[in-house]
Each structure stands twice: as structure tokens, then as C-alpha cells.
Amino acid sequence: MQVPDIVVPAPLARLVSRLPVAPPSWALAQVLNQMRRRGVLPADMSLLAGRRYEIEVRDLGLRLRFTASARGFRAAAAGVPDLRLSATLADFARMMLREEDPDTLFFHRRLVIEGDTELGLVVKNLLDSVDWSRTPLARWMTP
């Protein structure tokens, strides 16, 4: 299934951008920890620990902030992230479903990576190593 070019309605984006950051950030941290426990996310936590991350879904106005430690991921308060990934909802979905690879999205300026470049490479390689077909998103998106 090809991810369509989703256009998020402006009123929805305005609403989401005003919501607190903590609940969706907490949910993301829980999902990442669950993926790690199940072996879907083969993260070497020593490379990620002690760093702050932010994922921005641009067209939705959503920011997810989290940190990593040797024990896993947890939601983070506001602050300057060591690494920030920014893309549209459709482009994140395309990347997770392997319709587009992170390099292609990056070179077409549809995935913005800011901050520590070495950490960015580690995270990009981690994203490339995830078997997204084993996640609920892929099962939901494919017929």
C-alpha cells in the first residue's frame, strides 16, 4: 500500500499544536521501550544514552521530546535537543513502511535532521535496521 499525500486540515494542526507535549512524548517513549523489549528496535543504548531527542511532525504541529538511558526511553521536558528530526506525517509513515529511505527524504529536504551529526547517523542507521513490518503501524497500514 502506498502512503497517500495526506493534507492535515489547518484547524486540526492548530488544535494539535496547542496540546501539551508530555502525553504524546510519554506514549512514544513507551512504544520505543516496547519495541526494544520485543527486539524490533535493535538499539545499542550506550550510543543513545544521555541524549535528548525531538521529533517534529511539521504538518500536524506535533513535537515529541524524549531522552534515552541505559534502561530505555522516557519523555523529556522542554529543552534544546541533541538531535531533532522533522518531517510531515506522510513522510514519517513512508519512512517507517520503507516506501522511502531516510537518505532520500533527507536529500530531498523532506526530512530535516538538526543537531549532533554523529548521533544523527547513529539514529538514521537505527531507523534503517528496524523491521517495521513487525510493528502495529505496518499491520494497520497494509491490507
N, C-alpha and C. Protein backbone atom coordinates (compact mmCIF):
# COMPACT_ATOMS: atom_id res chain seq x y z
N MET A 1 0.84 -1.18 0.00
CA MET A 1 0.00 0.00 0.00
C MET A 1 0.88 1.25 0.00
N GLN A 2 0.60 2.15 -0.85
CA GLN A 2 1.34 3.41 -0.95
C GLN A 2 0.71 4.44 -0.01
N VAL A 3 1.55 5.11 0.76
CA VAL A 3 1.06 6.15 1.66
C VAL A 3 0.65 7.35 0.82
N PRO A 4 -0.59 7.79 0.95
CA PRO A 4 -1.04 8.94 0.15
C PRO A 4 -0.44 10.24 0.68
N ASP A 5 -0.47 11.26 -0.16
CA ASP A 5 -0.07 12.59 0.28
C ASP A 5 -1.20 13.14 1.14
N ILE A 6 -1.01 13.03 2.44
CA ILE A 6 -2.02 13.45 3.40
C ILE A 6 -1.91 14.95 3.60
N VAL A 7 -3.03 15.62 3.55
CA VAL A 7 -3.06 17.04 3.84
C VAL A 7 -3.81 17.18 5.16
N VAL A 8 -3.08 17.55 6.20
CA VAL A 8 -3.68 17.72 7.51
C VAL A 8 -4.47 19.02 7.50
N PRO A 9 -5.76 18.96 7.83
CA PRO A 9 -6.55 20.20 7.86
C PRO A 9 -5.98 21.21 8.85
N ALA A 10 -5.93 22.46 8.44
CA ALA A 10 -5.35 23.52 9.27
C ALA A 10 -5.97 23.60 10.66
N PRO A 11 -7.30 23.48 10.81
CA PRO A 11 -7.87 23.54 12.16
C PRO A 11 -7.35 22.40 13.06
N LEU A 12 -7.15 21.22 12.49
CA LEU A 12 -6.62 20.10 13.27
C LEU A 12 -5.18 20.38 13.68
N ALA A 13 -4.38 20.90 12.77
CA ALA A 13 -2.98 21.22 13.08
C ALA A 13 -2.90 22.30 14.17
N ARG A 14 -3.78 23.30 14.10
CA ARG A 14 -3.79 24.35 15.14
C ARG A 14 -4.14 23.75 16.50
N LEU A 15 -5.11 22.85 16.52
CA LEU A 15 -5.51 22.20 17.77
C LEU A 15 -4.38 21.35 18.34
N VAL A 16 -3.78 20.50 17.51
CA VAL A 16 -2.72 19.61 17.97
C VAL A 16 -1.52 20.40 18.46
N SER A 17 -1.19 21.49 17.77
CA SER A 17 -0.01 22.29 18.17
C SER A 17 -0.20 22.96 19.52
N ARG A 18 -1.43 23.07 19.99
CA ARG A 18 -1.69 23.69 21.30
C ARG A 18 -1.78 22.68 22.43
N LEU A 19 -1.77 21.41 22.10
CA LEU A 19 -1.87 20.38 23.13
C LEU A 19 -0.55 20.26 23.89
N PRO A 20 -0.60 19.80 25.14
CA PRO A 20 0.65 19.60 25.89
C PRO A 20 1.55 18.57 25.21
N VAL A 21 2.85 18.76 25.33
CA VAL A 21 3.84 17.88 24.71
C VAL A 21 4.00 16.58 25.50
N ALA A 22 3.81 16.64 26.80
CA ALA A 22 4.12 15.50 27.66
C ALA A 22 3.35 14.21 27.33
N PRO A 23 2.02 14.22 27.18
CA PRO A 23 1.33 12.93 26.95
C PRO A 23 1.78 12.19 25.68
N PRO A 24 1.86 12.84 24.52
CA PRO A 24 2.32 12.08 23.36
C PRO A 24 3.80 11.69 23.45
N SER A 25 4.61 12.50 24.13
CA SER A 25 6.02 12.15 24.31
C SER A 25 6.14 10.92 25.20
N TRP A 26 5.34 10.87 26.26
CA TRP A 26 5.32 9.69 27.13
C TRP A 26 4.89 8.45 26.35
N ALA A 27 3.84 8.61 25.52
CA ALA A 27 3.35 7.47 24.72
C ALA A 27 4.44 6.98 23.77
N LEU A 28 5.15 7.90 23.11
CA LEU A 28 6.22 7.50 22.21
C LEU A 28 7.31 6.75 22.96
N ALA A 29 7.70 7.24 24.13
CA ALA A 29 8.73 6.56 24.92
C ALA A 29 8.29 5.14 25.28
N GLN A 30 7.01 4.96 25.62
CA GLN A 30 6.51 3.63 25.94
C GLN A 30 6.55 2.70 24.72
N VAL A 31 6.18 3.24 23.56
CA VAL A 31 6.22 2.45 22.32
C VAL A 31 7.66 2.05 22.00
N LEU A 32 8.59 3.00 22.10
CA LEU A 32 10.00 2.69 21.83
C LEU A 32 10.53 1.62 22.78
N ASN A 33 10.18 1.73 24.06
CA ASN A 33 10.61 0.72 25.03
C ASN A 33 10.02 -0.65 24.72
N GLN A 34 8.76 -0.68 24.32
CA GLN A 34 8.11 -1.95 23.97
C GLN A 34 8.78 -2.55 22.72
N MET A 35 9.06 -1.72 21.73
CA MET A 35 9.73 -2.20 20.52
C MET A 35 11.11 -2.76 20.86
N ARG A 36 11.80 -2.09 21.78
CA ARG A 36 13.13 -2.54 22.20
C ARG A 36 13.04 -3.89 22.92
N ARG A 37 12.07 -4.02 23.83
CA ARG A 37 11.90 -5.29 24.56
C ARG A 37 11.58 -6.45 23.62
N ARG A 38 10.82 -6.17 22.57
CA ARG A 38 10.43 -7.22 21.62
C ARG A 38 11.49 -7.49 20.56
N GLY A 39 12.57 -6.73 20.57
CA GLY A 39 13.64 -6.93 19.62
C GLY A 39 13.40 -6.30 18.26
N VAL A 40 12.34 -5.52 18.13
CA VAL A 40 12.05 -4.84 16.86
C VAL A 40 12.96 -3.64 16.67
N LEU A 41 13.32 -2.99 17.77
CA LEU A 41 14.20 -1.83 17.76
C LEU A 41 15.54 -2.27 18.34
N PRO A 42 16.48 -2.63 17.47
CA PRO A 42 17.77 -3.17 17.96
C PRO A 42 18.73 -2.06 18.38
N ALA A 43 18.32 -1.29 19.38
CA ALA A 43 19.09 -0.11 19.78
C ALA A 43 20.24 -0.47 20.72
N ASP A 44 21.42 0.06 20.40
CA ASP A 44 22.55 -0.01 21.31
C ASP A 44 22.41 1.23 22.20
N MET A 45 21.86 1.03 23.39
CA MET A 45 21.53 2.16 24.26
C MET A 45 22.76 2.94 24.69
N SER A 46 23.93 2.32 24.66
CA SER A 46 25.14 3.06 25.05
C SER A 46 25.42 4.19 24.06
N LEU A 47 24.98 4.05 22.80
CA LEU A 47 25.19 5.11 21.81
C LEU A 47 24.14 6.22 21.92
N LEU A 48 23.01 5.90 22.53
CA LEU A 48 21.90 6.86 22.61
C LEU A 48 21.76 7.51 23.98
N ALA A 49 22.31 6.86 25.01
CA ALA A 49 22.10 7.29 26.40
C ALA A 49 22.63 8.69 26.67
N GLY A 50 21.91 9.38 27.54
CA GLY A 50 22.32 10.70 27.98
C GLY A 50 22.04 11.80 26.98
N ARG A 51 21.26 11.50 25.97
CA ARG A 51 20.96 12.48 24.92
C ARG A 51 19.48 12.83 24.91
N ARG A 52 19.19 14.02 24.40
CA ARG A 52 17.81 14.50 24.28
C ARG A 52 17.43 14.50 22.79
N TYR A 53 16.20 14.07 22.52
CA TYR A 53 15.72 13.94 21.15
C TYR A 53 14.40 14.67 20.99
N GLU A 54 14.17 15.13 19.77
CA GLU A 54 12.87 15.73 19.46
C GLU A 54 12.46 15.28 18.06
N ILE A 55 11.22 14.86 17.95
CA ILE A 55 10.64 14.53 16.65
C ILE A 55 9.52 15.53 16.42
N GLU A 56 9.58 16.20 15.29
CA GLU A 56 8.54 17.16 14.94
C GLU A 56 7.79 16.66 13.71
N VAL A 57 6.48 16.54 13.86
CA VAL A 57 5.62 16.23 12.73
C VAL A 57 5.09 17.58 12.26
N ARG A 58 5.77 18.13 11.24
CA ARG A 58 5.56 19.52 10.84
C ARG A 58 4.12 19.87 10.51
N ASP A 59 3.49 19.08 9.66
CA ASP A 59 2.16 19.45 9.21
C ASP A 59 1.09 19.25 10.28
N LEU A 60 1.42 18.56 11.34
CA LEU A 60 0.49 18.33 12.43
C LEU A 60 0.76 19.27 13.61
N GLY A 61 1.92 19.94 13.58
CA GLY A 61 2.27 20.82 14.69
C GLY A 61 2.58 20.06 15.96
N LEU A 62 3.04 18.82 15.82
CA LEU A 62 3.29 17.94 16.96
C LEU A 62 4.78 17.81 17.21
N ARG A 63 5.17 17.99 18.48
CA ARG A 63 6.56 17.79 18.89
C ARG A 63 6.59 16.73 19.97
N LEU A 64 7.50 15.77 19.79
CA LEU A 64 7.67 14.68 20.74
C LEU A 64 9.09 14.78 21.28
N ARG A 65 9.22 14.87 22.59
CA ARG A 65 10.53 15.02 23.21
C ARG A 65 10.80 13.86 24.15
N PHE A 66 12.00 13.28 24.02
CA PHE A 66 12.34 12.16 24.88
C PHE A 66 13.85 12.08 25.07
N THR A 67 14.24 11.30 26.06
CA THR A 67 15.64 11.06 26.34
C THR A 67 15.87 9.55 26.36
N ALA A 68 17.13 9.18 26.35
CA ALA A 68 17.49 7.77 26.40
C ALA A 68 18.48 7.56 27.54
N SER A 69 18.40 6.39 28.13
CA SER A 69 19.36 5.98 29.15
C SER A 69 19.66 4.51 28.91
N ALA A 70 20.54 3.94 29.70
CA ALA A 70 20.86 2.52 29.54
C ALA A 70 19.62 1.66 29.75
N ARG A 71 18.66 2.15 30.54
CA ARG A 71 17.45 1.36 30.83
C ARG A 71 16.35 1.55 29.80
N GLY A 72 16.43 2.58 28.97
CA GLY A 72 15.39 2.77 27.96
C GLY A 72 15.10 4.23 27.70
N PHE A 73 13.91 4.47 27.19
CA PHE A 73 13.49 5.81 26.78
C PHE A 73 12.48 6.36 27.78
N ARG A 74 12.46 7.69 27.91
CA ARG A 74 11.44 8.33 28.73
C ARG A 74 11.15 9.72 28.16
N ALA A 75 9.96 10.22 28.44
CA ALA A 75 9.58 11.55 27.97
C ALA A 75 10.49 12.59 28.60
N ALA A 76 10.71 13.68 27.89
CA ALA A 76 11.58 14.75 28.38
C ALA A 76 10.83 16.07 28.39
N ALA A 77 11.26 16.93 29.27
CA ALA A 77 10.71 18.29 29.32
C ALA A 77 11.33 19.11 28.19
N ALA A 78 10.85 20.31 28.07
CA ALA A 78 11.38 21.21 27.04
C ALA A 78 12.87 21.45 27.28
N GLY A 79 13.56 21.70 26.25
CA GLY A 79 15.00 21.97 26.31
C GLY A 79 15.58 21.80 24.93
N VAL A 80 16.81 22.14 24.79
CA VAL A 80 17.48 22.02 23.49
C VAL A 80 17.83 20.55 23.26
N PRO A 81 17.30 19.96 22.18
CA PRO A 81 17.63 18.55 21.91
C PRO A 81 19.01 18.40 21.30
N ASP A 82 19.62 17.25 21.55
CA ASP A 82 20.88 16.93 20.88
C ASP A 82 20.64 16.57 19.42
N LEU A 83 19.45 16.02 19.16
CA LEU A 83 19.09 15.63 17.80
C LEU A 83 17.61 15.90 17.59
N ARG A 84 17.31 16.52 16.45
CA ARG A 84 15.92 16.83 16.11
C ARG A 84 15.65 16.32 14.71
N LEU A 85 14.58 15.53 14.58
CA LEU A 85 14.12 15.03 13.27
C LEU A 85 12.80 15.70 12.97
N SER A 86 12.64 16.20 11.76
CA SER A 86 11.43 16.90 11.37
C SER A 86 11.01 16.46 9.98
N ALA A 87 9.72 16.10 9.85
CA ALA A 87 9.15 15.71 8.55
C ALA A 87 7.64 15.80 8.66
N THR A 88 6.96 15.57 7.56
CA THR A 88 5.50 15.54 7.59
C THR A 88 5.03 14.16 8.05
N LEU A 89 3.77 14.08 8.42
CA LEU A 89 3.19 12.82 8.85
C LEU A 89 3.33 11.76 7.76
N ALA A 90 3.02 12.12 6.51
CA ALA A 90 3.12 11.17 5.40
C ALA A 90 4.56 10.70 5.19
N ASP A 91 5.53 11.60 5.31
CA ASP A 91 6.92 11.20 5.10
C ASP A 91 7.43 10.30 6.22
N PHE A 92 7.02 10.56 7.47
CA PHE A 92 7.38 9.63 8.55
C PHE A 92 6.78 8.25 8.29
N ALA A 93 5.51 8.21 7.85
CA ALA A 93 4.86 6.93 7.54
C ALA A 93 5.57 6.23 6.39
N ARG A 94 5.93 6.96 5.34
CA ARG A 94 6.65 6.37 4.21
C ARG A 94 7.99 5.78 4.65
N MET A 95 8.67 6.49 5.55
CA MET A 95 9.96 6.01 6.03
C MET A 95 9.76 4.73 6.84
N MET A 96 8.77 4.71 7.72
CA MET A 96 8.54 3.54 8.56
C MET A 96 8.07 2.34 7.76
N LEU A 97 7.34 2.57 6.69
CA LEU A 97 6.85 1.47 5.85
C LEU A 97 7.82 1.12 4.73
N ARG A 98 9.00 1.77 4.74
CA ARG A 98 10.07 1.53 3.78
C ARG A 98 9.69 1.88 2.33
N GLU A 99 8.75 2.79 2.18
CA GLU A 99 8.44 3.29 0.85
C GLU A 99 9.50 4.32 0.43
N GLU A 100 10.10 4.96 1.41
CA GLU A 100 11.18 5.92 1.19
C GLU A 100 12.23 5.66 2.25
N ASP A 101 13.49 5.78 1.89
CA ASP A 101 14.53 5.61 2.91
C ASP A 101 14.90 6.99 3.46
N PRO A 102 15.42 7.02 4.69
CA PRO A 102 15.76 8.32 5.30
C PRO A 102 16.71 9.16 4.47
N ASP A 103 17.67 8.52 3.78
CA ASP A 103 18.62 9.29 2.96
C ASP A 103 17.91 10.05 1.84
N THR A 104 16.99 9.38 1.16
CA THR A 104 16.25 10.02 0.07
C THR A 104 15.44 11.19 0.59
N LEU A 105 14.73 10.97 1.71
CA LEU A 105 13.94 12.06 2.29
C LEU A 105 14.84 13.22 2.71
N PHE A 106 16.00 12.91 3.26
CA PHE A 106 16.93 13.94 3.70
C PHE A 106 17.45 14.75 2.51
N PHE A 107 17.88 14.06 1.46
CA PHE A 107 18.46 14.77 0.32
C PHE A 107 17.42 15.55 -0.48
N HIS A 108 16.15 15.19 -0.34
CA HIS A 108 15.08 15.96 -0.97
C HIS A 108 14.50 17.00 -0.01
N ARG A 109 15.17 17.18 1.13
CA ARG A 109 14.80 18.17 2.14
C ARG A 109 13.40 17.94 2.71
N ARG A 110 12.97 16.70 2.72
CA ARG A 110 11.68 16.36 3.31
C ARG A 110 11.86 15.81 4.72
N LEU A 111 13.07 15.39 5.06
CA LEU A 111 13.44 15.00 6.41
C LEU A 111 14.57 15.94 6.82
N VAL A 112 14.32 16.70 7.88
CA VAL A 112 15.34 17.63 8.37
C VAL A 112 15.95 17.01 9.63
N ILE A 113 17.27 16.93 9.65
CA ILE A 113 18.00 16.41 10.79
C ILE A 113 18.90 17.52 11.29
N GLU A 114 18.69 17.92 12.55
CA GLU A 114 19.47 19.02 13.12
C GLU A 114 20.12 18.55 14.41
N GLY A 115 21.30 19.09 14.67
CA GLY A 115 22.00 18.78 15.92
C GLY A 115 23.27 17.99 15.67
N ASP A 116 23.57 17.09 16.57
CA ASP A 116 24.78 16.28 16.55
C ASP A 116 24.77 15.36 15.33
N THR A 117 25.65 15.62 14.37
CA THR A 117 25.64 14.85 13.12
C THR A 117 26.03 13.39 13.33
N GLU A 118 26.95 13.13 14.24
CA GLU A 118 27.32 11.74 14.51
C GLU A 118 26.15 10.98 15.11
N LEU A 119 25.45 11.61 16.04
CA LEU A 119 24.26 11.00 16.64
C LEU A 119 23.17 10.82 15.58
N GLY A 120 23.06 11.78 14.68
CA GLY A 120 22.09 11.67 13.59
C GLY A 120 22.34 10.45 12.72
N LEU A 121 23.60 10.18 12.45
CA LEU A 121 23.96 9.00 11.66
C LEU A 121 23.62 7.71 12.41
N VAL A 122 23.87 7.69 13.72
CA VAL A 122 23.53 6.52 14.54
C VAL A 122 22.02 6.27 14.49
N VAL A 123 21.23 7.33 14.64
CA VAL A 123 19.77 7.19 14.64
C VAL A 123 19.27 6.80 13.25
N LYS A 124 19.85 7.39 12.21
CA LYS A 124 19.45 7.02 10.84
C LYS A 124 19.71 5.54 10.59
N ASN A 125 20.87 5.06 11.00
CA ASN A 125 21.18 3.63 10.83
C ASN A 125 20.24 2.76 11.66
N LEU A 126 19.87 3.24 12.84
CA LEU A 126 18.92 2.51 13.67
C LEU A 126 17.57 2.44 12.97
N LEU A 127 17.11 3.55 12.41
CA LEU A 127 15.84 3.55 11.69
C LEU A 127 15.88 2.57 10.51
N ASP A 128 17.03 2.53 9.82
CA ASP A 128 17.18 1.61 8.69
C ASP A 128 17.16 0.15 9.13
N SER A 129 17.54 -0.13 10.37
CA SER A 129 17.63 -1.52 10.84
C SER A 129 16.33 -2.05 11.43
N VAL A 130 15.36 -1.19 11.64
CA VAL A 130 14.09 -1.62 12.25
C VAL A 130 13.26 -2.39 11.23
N ASP A 131 12.72 -3.51 11.65
CA ASP A 131 11.79 -4.28 10.81
C ASP A 131 10.39 -3.74 11.08
N TRP A 132 10.04 -2.68 10.35
CA TRP A 132 8.75 -2.00 10.58
C TRP A 132 7.57 -2.91 10.29
N SER A 133 7.76 -3.96 9.51
CA SER A 133 6.65 -4.87 9.21
C SER A 133 6.19 -5.61 10.46
N ARG A 134 7.02 -5.62 11.50
CA ARG A 134 6.66 -6.29 12.75
C ARG A 134 5.99 -5.35 13.75
N THR A 135 5.67 -4.13 13.31
CA THR A 135 5.04 -3.15 14.19
C THR A 135 3.54 -3.05 13.89
N PRO A 136 2.75 -2.60 14.86
CA PRO A 136 1.31 -2.44 14.62
C PRO A 136 1.01 -1.47 13.49
N LEU A 137 1.83 -0.44 13.31
CA LEU A 137 1.59 0.52 12.23
C LEU A 137 1.56 -0.17 10.88
N ALA A 138 2.52 -1.03 10.62
CA ALA A 138 2.59 -1.71 9.33
C ALA A 138 1.40 -2.65 9.15
N ARG A 139 1.02 -3.33 10.21
CA ARG A 139 -0.13 -4.24 10.10
C ARG A 139 -1.42 -3.45 9.86
N TRP A 140 -1.50 -2.25 10.41
CA TRP A 140 -2.68 -1.41 10.24
C TRP A 140 -2.71 -0.81 8.83
N MET A 141 -1.54 -0.44 8.30
CA MET A 141 -1.47 0.24 7.01
C MET A 141 -1.54 -0.69 5.81
N THR A 142 -1.22 -1.97 6.00
CA THR A 142 -1.22 -2.89 4.86
C THR A 142 -2.49 -3.73 4.87
N PRO A 143 -3.05 -3.96 3.68
CA PRO A 143 -4.29 -4.74 3.59
C PRO A 143 -4.08 -6.22 3.90
